[in-house]
Amino acid sequence: MSNSITFTCWNGDEPLDIQLEPEAIRFRVLPGNELTFTGKLFSTENFKWALRIEHHSKDIQLMPDVDELFEIEIFENGVRLDNWHNYM
């Protein structure tokens, strides 16, 4: 998938917390799982992501780095999450 970023939590790792901005929705990647965020722009294919890592709490903020209208699809272990706005 182009314009995608995948977070993988290996077996034996601590769960990984990701906060998707600007909605501030928190996702948790559990050991043995992965979460993929795919961004789509309506006018071009140049979607970009920005990351902020909080080292003390080990949290990750994921932010679309675009100034245009966009859509985000989220996949958990390759399966698209429908109604991901309700996922917490």
Foldseek 3Di string as FASTA:
>chain_A
DPQKDKDAAAPVGCWAWEQEPPLRDIDIAHHPKMKMKHKDFPPDRPKDWDWDADVVVRHIYIYTPDDGDMDIWMDIRNHTDPPCVPPD
